[in-house]
């Protein structure tokens, strides 16, 4: 009998998490051909989320809890959960009830058909305009930087096979980016359409700062395209500057009375100076992440585990 491991990163979800777990239990009772476990990862939530996890774990040994020592972010929490699973298939979903656990059968069917990874696709997303904007930017970024197929929709609700998980958890650097890890492991990926629900409690944990950090992970973790784009822009700017210099000289030779353009000179200085600072900042971002990785900065630190056997 195959085993399904559910991984749920948890943050500010003390009220919604019991409903998500209950929905998983009801759904898996109907799909009795699978065993299952639920791994709940508390990303150092400031509310009583970990207390809720402790209560759920005390009622059912199939539910396992992990408490992180500080807030490391959703993708690090996912990595912590993935490393503590042993299922043949792993399903990742959200803790707020917006991702429909009762439709997990659709994802599992696609895995059984032979696909290595399956992402849920929503016809009508119930996120806020800010969150939808973030998803749009993330979609464009993964397509350009990571080579994601244009027709593939990626979301936080997905299912993957065991060998994909094993490849993903080999990544030990400080800035995990789950979508990039999946795309690195396999190209046999498809979508299934599911319902996306409205949020019942609270608001999204993604702030602008966290979204920017997520995008920088995608930019720098699995692609050197930003550096190549910077090289192309630098070369283009240098050509423009050279041509403008030739134009200025010719204009001066044709008409010696033409005054030197102070405004044009300042505009050129500001433009090229800004481009240089932008490129240096991008290079510095890469170097800084290399430095942090060389210092073995952890993806996450676990403070406590519940219902895991000690080996």
Protein backbone atom coordinates (compact mmCIF):
# COMPACT_ATOMS: atom_id res chain seq x y z
CA UNK A 1 0.00 0.00 0.00
CA UNK A 2 1.41 3.38 -1.01
CA UNK A 3 1.77 6.15 1.54
CA UNK A 4 0.90 9.83 1.16
CA UNK A 5 2.74 12.45 3.20
CA UNK A 6 0.99 15.81 3.59
CA UNK A 7 3.28 18.75 4.42
CA UNK A 8 1.71 21.97 5.69
CA UNK A 9 3.79 25.04 6.65
CA UNK A 10 1.90 26.83 9.42
CA UNK A 11 1.85 30.53 10.32
CA UNK A 12 -0.96 32.34 12.13
CA UNK A 13 -3.31 29.42 11.57
CA UNK A 14 -4.45 28.35 15.04
CA UNK A 15 -8.10 28.72 13.97
CA UNK A 16 -7.94 27.32 10.43
CA UNK A 17 -5.52 24.42 10.89
CA UNK A 18 -7.93 22.01 12.66
CA UNK A 19 -10.38 22.33 9.76
CA UNK A 20 -7.65 21.61 7.20
CA UNK A 21 -6.52 18.50 9.09
CA UNK A 22 -10.09 17.29 9.52
CA UNK A 23 -10.72 17.71 5.79
CA UNK A 24 -7.61 15.66 5.00
CA UNK A 25 -8.78 12.90 7.36
CA UNK A 26 -12.26 12.78 5.80
CA UNK A 27 -10.85 12.73 2.28
CA UNK A 28 -8.30 10.00 2.97
CA UNK A 29 -10.98 7.82 4.58
CA UNK A 30 -12.68 7.81 1.17
CA UNK A 31 -9.41 7.05 -0.63
CA UNK A 32 -8.67 3.97 1.48
CA UNK A 33 -6.07 2.51 -0.87
CA UNK A 34 -3.44 4.86 0.61
CA UNK A 35 -1.83 5.17 4.01
CA UNK A 36 -1.08 8.73 5.03
CA UNK A 37 0.64 11.03 7.48
CA UNK A 38 0.37 14.78 8.08
CA UNK A 39 3.48 16.83 8.88
CA UNK A 40 2.68 20.27 10.35
CA UNK A 41 5.60 22.73 10.44
CA UNK A 42 5.15 25.74 12.71
CA UNK A 43 7.24 28.59 11.27
CA UNK A 44 7.57 30.28 14.67
CA UNK A 45 4.07 31.72 14.48
CA UNK A 46 3.40 34.49 17.05
CA UNK A 47 -0.04 33.12 17.93
CA UNK A 48 -0.94 29.72 19.44
CA UNK A 49 -0.43 27.77 16.23
CA UNK A 50 2.06 25.40 17.83
CA UNK A 51 -0.33 24.75 20.71
CA UNK A 52 -2.95 23.77 18.14
CA UNK A 53 -0.42 21.45 16.50
CA UNK A 54 0.34 19.84 19.87
CA UNK A 55 -3.36 19.21 20.44
CA UNK A 56 -3.83 17.68 16.99
CA UNK A 57 -0.77 15.46 17.43
CA UNK A 58 -2.02 14.19 20.79
CA UNK A 59 -5.23 12.96 19.17
CA UNK A 60 -3.69 11.12 16.20
CA UNK A 61 -0.22 9.61 15.87
CA UNK A 62 -0.41 10.02 12.10
CA UNK A 63 -0.18 13.77 12.67
CA UNK A 64 3.38 14.96 13.31
CA UNK A 65 4.56 18.37 14.44
CA UNK A 66 7.73 20.37 13.91
CA UNK A 67 8.42 23.68 15.65
CA UNK A 68 11.04 25.99 14.15
CA UNK A 69 13.15 28.18 16.43
CA UNK A 70 12.43 31.36 14.45
CA UNK A 71 10.57 32.47 11.36
CA UNK A 72 12.49 31.13 8.35
CA UNK A 73 9.80 31.56 5.68
CA UNK A 74 7.39 29.26 3.87
CA UNK A 75 9.94 27.59 1.61
CA UNK A 76 12.33 26.76 4.47
CA UNK A 77 9.40 25.37 6.44
CA UNK A 78 8.48 23.22 3.45
CA UNK A 79 12.05 21.91 3.26
CA UNK A 80 11.91 21.00 6.95
CA UNK A 81 8.69 19.09 6.37
CA UNK A 82 9.97 17.33 3.25
CA UNK A 83 13.01 16.02 5.13
CA UNK A 84 10.71 14.42 7.71
CA UNK A 85 8.46 12.52 5.31
CA UNK A 86 8.69 8.95 4.06
CA UNK A 87 5.64 8.74 1.79
CA UNK A 88 5.73 7.48 -1.78
CA UNK A 89 3.91 10.68 -2.74
CA UNK A 90 4.20 14.03 -0.96
CA UNK A 91 1.43 16.64 -1.09
CA UNK A 92 2.10 20.24 -0.02
CA UNK A 93 -0.75 22.62 0.72
CA UNK A 94 -1.61 25.74 2.71
CA UNK A 95 -2.79 26.03 6.30
CA UNK A 96 -5.58 28.56 5.69
CA UNK A 97 -8.14 26.25 4.04
CA UNK A 98 -8.02 28.03 0.67
CA UNK A 99 -6.38 25.02 -1.00
CA UNK A 100 -9.04 22.27 -1.18
CA UNK A 101 -7.69 19.14 0.51
CA UNK A 102 -10.82 17.25 -0.55
CA UNK A 103 -9.64 17.45 -4.18
CA UNK A 104 -6.27 15.83 -3.53
CA UNK A 105 -7.48 12.76 -5.42
CA UNK A 106 -7.14 14.72 -8.68
CA UNK A 107 -3.45 15.34 -7.99
CA UNK A 108 -2.82 11.73 -6.98
CA UNK A 109 -4.51 10.42 -10.14
CA UNK A 110 -2.07 12.38 -12.29
CA UNK A 111 0.87 10.96 -10.35
CA UNK A 112 -0.52 7.48 -10.91
CA UNK A 113 -0.74 8.24 -14.64
CA UNK A 114 3.04 8.71 -14.68
CA UNK A 115 3.69 12.40 -14.05
CA UNK A 116 6.42 13.24 -11.53
CA UNK A 117 4.84 16.45 -10.21
CA UNK A 118 1.33 17.92 -10.32
CA UNK A 119 0.38 21.51 -9.54
CA UNK A 120 -3.13 22.66 -8.70
CA UNK A 121 -4.47 25.32 -11.04
CA UNK A 122 -7.21 27.74 -10.01
CA UNK A 123 -9.79 29.10 -12.45
CA UNK A 124 -10.83 31.85 -10.03
CA UNK A 125 -8.33 32.80 -7.34
CA UNK A 126 -9.70 34.26 -4.13
CA UNK A 127 -6.54 36.13 -3.15
CA UNK A 128 -6.29 39.87 -2.63
CA UNK A 129 -5.14 42.12 -5.47
CA UNK A 130 -1.72 42.47 -3.78
CA UNK A 131 -1.27 38.70 -3.52
CA UNK A 132 -2.43 38.19 -7.11
CA UNK A 133 0.13 40.77 -8.27
CA UNK A 134 2.81 38.89 -6.38
CA UNK A 135 1.76 35.62 -8.01
CA UNK A 136 1.85 37.24 -11.45
CA UNK A 137 5.39 38.56 -10.93
CA UNK A 138 6.47 35.19 -9.55
CA UNK A 139 5.00 33.42 -12.59
CA UNK A 140 6.82 35.70 -15.04
CA UNK A 141 10.06 35.37 -13.08
CA UNK A 142 10.02 31.57 -13.01
CA UNK A 143 9.32 31.48 -16.74
CA UNK A 144 12.21 33.80 -17.66
CA UNK A 145 14.78 32.82 -15.03
CA UNK A 146 14.07 29.14 -14.44
CA UNK A 147 12.77 28.02 -17.81
CA UNK A 148 9.26 27.17 -16.61
CA UNK A 149 7.01 26.18 -19.53
CA UNK A 150 4.57 28.98 -20.40
CA UNK A 151 1.54 26.69 -20.11
CA UNK A 152 2.51 25.38 -16.65
CA UNK A 153 0.81 27.06 -13.70
CA UNK A 154 2.62 26.79 -10.36
CA UNK A 155 1.02 27.19 -6.95
CA UNK A 156 1.53 26.30 -3.31
CA UNK A 157 -0.72 23.23 -3.70
CA UNK A 158 1.19 20.45 -5.43
CA UNK A 159 2.06 16.73 -5.28
CA UNK A 160 5.39 15.11 -6.11
CA UNK A 161 6.88 11.64 -6.22
CA UNK A 162 9.45 10.33 -3.77
CA UNK A 163 12.46 10.58 -6.06
CA UNK A 164 11.71 14.28 -6.64
CA UNK A 165 11.64 14.82 -2.88
CA UNK A 166 14.97 13.01 -2.48
CA UNK A 167 16.55 15.29 -5.07
CA UNK A 168 15.05 18.42 -3.49
CA UNK A 169 16.33 17.70 0.01
CA UNK A 170 19.88 17.38 -1.29
CA UNK A 171 19.79 21.18 -1.54
CA UNK A 172 21.22 22.51 1.73
CA UNK A 173 21.96 26.17 0.97
CA UNK A 174 20.39 28.95 2.98
CA UNK A 175 17.91 30.16 0.37
CA UNK A 176 15.65 27.33 -0.82
CA UNK A 177 13.20 28.01 -3.62
CA UNK A 178 10.84 25.06 -3.91
CA UNK A 179 9.58 25.77 -7.44
CA UNK A 180 13.14 25.93 -8.72
CA UNK A 181 13.99 22.66 -6.98
CA UNK A 182 11.05 20.87 -8.59
CA UNK A 183 11.87 22.26 -12.05
CA UNK A 184 15.49 21.21 -11.54
CA UNK A 185 14.49 17.64 -10.71
CA UNK A 186 11.99 16.87 -13.50
CA UNK A 187 10.19 18.21 -16.55
CA UNK A 188 7.33 15.70 -16.29
CA UNK A 189 4.95 18.18 -14.65
CA UNK A 190 1.27 18.86 -15.28
CA UNK A 191 -1.70 20.81 -13.91
CA UNK A 192 -5.12 19.87 -12.59
CA UNK A 193 -7.91 22.37 -12.03
CA UNK A 194 -9.30 22.70 -8.51
CA UNK A 195 -11.51 25.12 -6.63
CA UNK A 196 -9.86 28.00 -4.76
CA UNK A 197 -11.72 29.09 -1.65
CA UNK A 198 -12.02 32.42 0.08
CA UNK A 199 -9.95 32.91 3.22
CA UNK A 200 -12.08 32.31 6.31
CA UNK A 201 -9.74 33.76 8.93
CA UNK A 202 -6.93 36.33 9.00
CA UNK A 203 -4.86 37.68 6.12
CA UNK A 204 -1.99 36.43 4.01
CA UNK A 205 1.36 36.16 5.80
CA UNK A 206 3.15 37.46 2.69
CA UNK A 207 4.23 41.08 3.06
CA UNK A 208 6.03 43.10 0.39
CA UNK A 209 9.32 42.40 2.17
CA UNK A 210 8.72 38.64 2.11
CA UNK A 211 7.65 38.70 -1.54
CA UNK A 212 10.78 40.61 -2.51
CA UNK A 213 12.89 38.09 -0.61
CA UNK A 214 11.13 35.24 -2.41
CA UNK A 215 11.74 36.83 -5.80
CA UNK A 216 15.42 37.39 -5.01
CA UNK A 217 15.68 33.70 -4.14
CA UNK A 218 14.32 32.84 -7.55
CA UNK A 219 16.60 35.35 -9.26
CA UNK A 220 19.82 34.18 -7.65
CA UNK A 221 19.41 30.60 -6.43
CA UNK A 222 19.04 28.66 -9.67
CA UNK A 223 19.95 31.00 -12.52
CA UNK A 224 22.80 33.21 -13.76
CA UNK A 225 20.49 34.92 -16.23
CA UNK A 226 20.35 38.14 -14.14
CA UNK A 227 24.12 38.47 -14.53
CA UNK A 228 23.87 37.83 -18.26
CA UNK A 229 21.08 40.40 -18.56
CA UNK A 230 23.25 42.86 -16.63
CA UNK A 231 26.11 42.21 -19.07
CA UNK A 232 23.85 42.85 -22.07
CA UNK A 233 22.45 46.05 -20.55
CA UNK A 234 25.97 47.23 -19.71
CA UNK A 235 27.16 46.56 -23.25
CA UNK A 236 24.11 48.30 -24.72
CA UNK A 237 24.63 51.33 -22.46
CA UNK A 238 28.31 51.52 -23.43
CA UNK A 239 27.37 51.48 -27.13
CA UNK A 240 24.80 54.23 -26.62
CA UNK A 241 27.37 56.30 -24.74
CA UNK A 242 29.97 55.78 -27.46
CA UNK A 243 27.55 56.74 -30.25
CA UNK A 244 26.44 59.81 -28.32
CA UNK A 245 30.09 60.84 -27.95
CA UNK A 246 30.66 60.48 -31.72
CA UNK A 247 27.52 62.51 -32.35
CA UNK A 248 28.74 65.27 -30.03
CA UNK A 249 32.13 65.46 -31.74
CA UNK A 250 30.63 65.59 -35.23
CA UNK A 251 28.14 68.26 -34.18
CA UNK A 252 30.97 70.32 -32.73
CA UNK A 253 33.05 70.01 -35.91
CA UNK A 254 30.13 70.96 -38.16
CA UNK A 255 29.15 73.95 -36.03
CA UNK A 256 31.88 75.16 -33.62
CA UNK A 257 29.45 77.69 -32.12
CA UNK A 258 27.25 74.95 -30.64
CA UNK A 259 27.65 75.16 -26.83
CA UNK A 260 28.53 72.07 -24.86
CA UNK A 261 25.39 70.52 -23.41
CA UNK A 262 25.57 70.58 -19.60
CA UNK A 263 22.12 68.96 -19.25
CA UNK A 264 22.98 66.18 -21.69
CA UNK A 265 26.26 65.55 -19.88
CA UNK A 266 24.56 65.33 -16.48
CA UNK A 267 21.83 63.08 -17.90
CA UNK A 268 24.47 60.72 -19.30
CA UNK A 269 26.40 60.69 -16.00
CA UNK A 270 23.28 59.97 -13.96
CA UNK A 271 22.12 57.28 -16.38
CA UNK A 272 25.39 55.39 -16.60
CA UNK A 273 26.12 55.90 -12.90
CA UNK A 274 22.75 54.41 -12.02
CA UNK A 275 23.33 51.46 -14.34
CA UNK A 276 26.74 50.80 -12.79
CA UNK A 277 25.30 50.88 -9.25
CA UNK A 278 22.48 48.54 -10.31
CA UNK A 279 24.92 46.01 -11.76
CA UNK A 280 27.22 46.24 -8.74
CA UNK A 281 24.24 45.68 -6.43
CA UNK A 282 23.22 42.60 -8.40
CA UNK A 283 26.75 41.18 -8.26
CA UNK A 284 26.88 42.01 -4.55
CA UNK A 285 23.65 40.06 -3.99
CA UNK A 286 25.20 36.97 -5.54
CA UNK A 287 28.43 37.38 -3.57
CA UNK A 288 26.53 37.95 -0.32
CA UNK A 289 24.51 34.78 -0.76
CA UNK A 290 27.66 32.82 -1.57
CA UNK A 291 29.25 34.19 1.61
CA UNK A 292 26.25 33.26 3.75
CA UNK A 293 26.16 29.76 2.23
CA UNK A 294 29.89 29.26 2.88
CA UNK A 295 29.24 30.12 6.52
CA UNK A 296 26.76 27.21 6.66
CA UNK A 297 23.82 29.40 7.58
CA UNK A 298 20.96 26.91 8.15
CA UNK A 299 17.78 26.66 6.11
CA UNK A 300 15.93 26.22 9.40
CA UNK A 301 16.50 25.32 13.05
CA UNK A 302 14.13 22.85 14.72
CA UNK A 303 13.26 23.51 18.35
CA UNK A 304 10.81 20.66 18.91
CA UNK A 305 9.35 17.61 17.18
CA UNK A 306 6.21 15.67 18.04
CA UNK A 307 5.25 12.06 17.18
CA UNK A 308 8.56 11.32 15.44
CA UNK A 309 10.33 8.13 16.40
CA UNK A 310 13.81 8.61 17.79
CA UNK A 311 16.51 6.72 15.92
